[in-house]
Amino acid sequence: MNALDSYPLAELKLIYTTLHAALTSEPRLMDSDLLQDLQSYLLTIAREDGVDASDHGAWAAWLAAP
């Protein structure tokens, strides 16, 4: 079990997109273990949902969905 499993998926998506949007103003986030772990977790869930995460549009649409 992953520690992130206990949080609602919509909340994790919101936190990820917020942090990702802040990368340009806060480039230190790029080296954040939390952001990397969150991204890896979300990519795994997206693939399980049938999302081709290499397709930026599909990944962005999945992140935007509640």
N, C-alpha and C. Protein backbone atom coordinates (compact mmCIF):
# COMPACT_ATOMS: atom_id res chain seq x y z
N MET A 1 0.84 -1.19 0.00
CA MET A 1 0.00 0.00 0.00
C MET A 1 0.88 1.25 0.00
N ASN A 2 0.54 2.18 -0.83
CA ASN A 2 1.24 3.45 -0.94
C ASN A 2 0.63 4.44 0.04
N ALA A 3 1.45 5.28 0.64
CA ALA A 3 0.95 6.29 1.59
C ALA A 3 -0.06 7.22 0.93
N LEU A 4 0.05 7.40 -0.38
CA LEU A 4 -0.85 8.31 -1.08
C LEU A 4 -2.23 7.69 -1.32
N ASP A 5 -2.35 6.38 -1.12
CA ASP A 5 -3.64 5.70 -1.32
C ASP A 5 -4.74 6.22 -0.40
N SER A 6 -4.37 6.80 0.72
CA SER A 6 -5.38 7.23 1.69
C SER A 6 -5.99 8.60 1.37
N TYR A 7 -5.50 9.25 0.31
CA TYR A 7 -6.02 10.57 -0.06
C TYR A 7 -6.94 10.46 -1.27
N PRO A 8 -7.94 11.33 -1.35
CA PRO A 8 -8.81 11.32 -2.52
C PRO A 8 -8.02 11.66 -3.79
N LEU A 9 -8.30 10.93 -4.85
CA LEU A 9 -7.59 11.13 -6.12
C LEU A 9 -7.75 12.56 -6.62
N ALA A 10 -8.93 13.13 -6.51
CA ALA A 10 -9.15 14.51 -6.99
C ALA A 10 -8.25 15.49 -6.25
N GLU A 11 -8.05 15.25 -4.96
CA GLU A 11 -7.18 16.12 -4.17
C GLU A 11 -5.72 15.99 -4.61
N LEU A 12 -5.28 14.77 -4.86
CA LEU A 12 -3.91 14.55 -5.33
C LEU A 12 -3.67 15.19 -6.69
N LYS A 13 -4.67 15.08 -7.57
CA LYS A 13 -4.55 15.72 -8.89
C LYS A 13 -4.43 17.23 -8.76
N LEU A 14 -5.24 17.82 -7.89
CA LEU A 14 -5.20 19.27 -7.67
C LEU A 14 -3.84 19.70 -7.13
N ILE A 15 -3.34 18.98 -6.15
CA ILE A 15 -2.04 19.32 -5.58
C ILE A 15 -0.95 19.18 -6.63
N TYR A 16 -0.98 18.11 -7.40
CA TYR A 16 0.02 17.91 -8.44
C TYR A 16 -0.02 19.03 -9.48
N THR A 17 -1.20 19.34 -9.99
CA THR A 17 -1.29 20.37 -11.03
C THR A 17 -0.88 21.74 -10.48
N THR A 18 -1.18 22.00 -9.23
CA THR A 18 -0.77 23.26 -8.61
C THR A 18 0.74 23.34 -8.49
N LEU A 19 1.34 22.28 -8.00
CA LEU A 19 2.80 22.25 -7.87
C LEU A 19 3.47 22.31 -9.25
N HIS A 20 2.94 21.57 -10.20
CA HIS A 20 3.52 21.55 -11.54
C HIS A 20 3.45 22.94 -12.18
N ALA A 21 2.34 23.63 -11.98
CA ALA A 21 2.19 24.98 -12.53
C ALA A 21 3.18 25.97 -11.91
N ALA A 22 3.62 25.67 -10.70
CA ALA A 22 4.55 26.56 -9.99
C ALA A 22 6.01 26.33 -10.36
N LEU A 23 6.28 25.36 -11.21
CA LEU A 23 7.67 25.03 -11.55
C LEU A 23 8.43 26.21 -12.16
N THR A 24 7.76 27.01 -12.96
CA THR A 24 8.47 28.13 -13.59
C THR A 24 8.88 29.19 -12.57
N SER A 25 8.05 29.40 -11.57
CA SER A 25 8.38 30.41 -10.56
C SER A 25 9.16 29.83 -9.38
N GLU A 26 9.12 28.52 -9.25
CA GLU A 26 9.81 27.85 -8.13
C GLU A 26 10.53 26.60 -8.66
N PRO A 27 11.61 26.79 -9.44
CA PRO A 27 12.28 25.66 -10.09
C PRO A 27 12.84 24.61 -9.13
N ARG A 28 13.02 24.96 -7.87
CA ARG A 28 13.51 23.98 -6.90
C ARG A 28 12.53 22.82 -6.73
N LEU A 29 11.27 23.04 -7.09
CA LEU A 29 10.29 21.96 -7.01
C LEU A 29 10.66 20.79 -7.92
N MET A 30 11.41 21.09 -8.98
CA MET A 30 11.81 20.05 -9.93
C MET A 30 12.59 18.94 -9.22
N ASP A 31 13.31 19.28 -8.17
CA ASP A 31 14.09 18.31 -7.42
C ASP A 31 13.36 17.77 -6.20
N SER A 32 12.10 18.10 -6.07
CA SER A 32 11.32 17.68 -4.91
C SER A 32 10.96 16.20 -4.99
N ASP A 33 11.34 15.46 -3.96
CA ASP A 33 10.97 14.05 -3.90
C ASP A 33 9.46 13.88 -3.83
N LEU A 34 8.81 14.77 -3.11
CA LEU A 34 7.35 14.69 -3.00
C LEU A 34 6.68 14.83 -4.37
N LEU A 35 7.11 15.81 -5.15
CA LEU A 35 6.52 16.00 -6.47
C LEU A 35 6.79 14.79 -7.36
N GLN A 36 7.99 14.26 -7.30
CA GLN A 36 8.32 13.08 -8.11
C GLN A 36 7.50 11.86 -7.68
N ASP A 37 7.36 11.67 -6.38
CA ASP A 37 6.56 10.55 -5.88
C ASP A 37 5.09 10.70 -6.26
N LEU A 38 4.59 11.91 -6.17
CA LEU A 38 3.20 12.17 -6.53
C LEU A 38 2.97 11.93 -8.01
N GLN A 39 3.90 12.40 -8.84
CA GLN A 39 3.78 12.20 -10.28
C GLN A 39 3.81 10.70 -10.62
N SER A 40 4.74 9.98 -10.02
CA SER A 40 4.83 8.54 -10.28
C SER A 40 3.54 7.83 -9.88
N TYR A 41 3.02 8.18 -8.73
CA TYR A 41 1.78 7.59 -8.25
C TYR A 41 0.64 7.87 -9.23
N LEU A 42 0.50 9.12 -9.62
CA LEU A 42 -0.59 9.50 -10.53
C LEU A 42 -0.43 8.84 -11.90
N LEU A 43 0.80 8.73 -12.38
CA LEU A 43 1.03 8.05 -13.66
C LEU A 43 0.59 6.59 -13.58
N THR A 44 0.86 5.94 -12.47
CA THR A 44 0.44 4.55 -12.28
C THR A 44 -1.08 4.43 -12.31
N ILE A 45 -1.75 5.32 -11.59
CA ILE A 45 -3.22 5.30 -11.56
C ILE A 45 -3.79 5.60 -12.95
N ALA A 46 -3.20 6.57 -13.63
CA ALA A 46 -3.67 6.93 -14.97
C ALA A 46 -3.54 5.73 -15.92
N ARG A 47 -2.41 5.05 -15.87
CA ARG A 47 -2.23 3.87 -16.74
C ARG A 47 -3.26 2.80 -16.41
N GLU A 48 -3.54 2.62 -15.13
CA GLU A 48 -4.56 1.65 -14.72
C GLU A 48 -5.94 2.04 -15.25
N ASP A 49 -6.15 3.35 -15.42
CA ASP A 49 -7.41 3.86 -15.98
C ASP A 49 -7.42 3.83 -17.51
N GLY A 50 -6.33 3.33 -18.10
CA GLY A 50 -6.26 3.21 -19.55
C GLY A 50 -5.75 4.45 -20.26
N VAL A 51 -5.16 5.37 -19.52
CA VAL A 51 -4.65 6.62 -20.10
C VAL A 51 -3.24 6.40 -20.62
N ASP A 52 -3.00 6.84 -21.85
CA ASP A 52 -1.65 6.84 -22.41
C ASP A 52 -0.96 8.10 -21.91
N ALA A 53 -0.20 7.97 -20.85
CA ALA A 53 0.42 9.12 -20.20
C ALA A 53 1.48 9.77 -21.08
N SER A 54 1.93 9.09 -22.13
CA SER A 54 2.89 9.72 -23.05
C SER A 54 2.20 10.71 -23.98
N ASP A 55 0.88 10.65 -24.04
CA ASP A 55 0.08 11.61 -24.80
C ASP A 55 -0.27 12.76 -23.85
N HIS A 56 0.41 13.88 -24.04
CA HIS A 56 0.25 15.00 -23.11
C HIS A 56 -1.21 15.44 -22.97
N GLY A 57 -1.94 15.44 -24.06
CA GLY A 57 -3.35 15.84 -24.02
C GLY A 57 -4.18 14.89 -23.18
N ALA A 58 -3.95 13.59 -23.34
CA ALA A 58 -4.69 12.59 -22.56
C ALA A 58 -4.33 12.69 -21.08
N TRP A 59 -3.06 12.88 -20.78
CA TRP A 59 -2.59 13.04 -19.39
C TRP A 59 -3.22 14.28 -18.78
N ALA A 60 -3.19 15.39 -19.51
CA ALA A 60 -3.76 16.66 -18.99
C ALA A 60 -5.27 16.52 -18.78
N ALA A 61 -5.96 15.86 -19.69
CA ALA A 61 -7.40 15.69 -19.55
C ALA A 61 -7.71 14.81 -18.34
N TRP A 62 -6.93 13.77 -18.13
CA TRP A 62 -7.14 12.90 -16.98
C TRP A 62 -6.89 13.66 -15.67
N LEU A 63 -5.85 14.47 -15.65
CA LEU A 63 -5.57 15.27 -14.45
C LEU A 63 -6.69 16.26 -14.16
N ALA A 64 -7.29 16.79 -15.20
CA ALA A 64 -8.35 17.80 -15.04
C ALA A 64 -9.69 17.19 -14.64
N ALA A 65 -9.86 15.90 -14.89
CA ALA A 65 -11.13 15.24 -14.55
C ALA A 65 -11.21 15.04 -13.04
N PRO A 66 -12.41 15.25 -12.49
CA PRO A 66 -12.56 15.05 -11.03
C PRO A 66 -12.36 13.62 -10.59
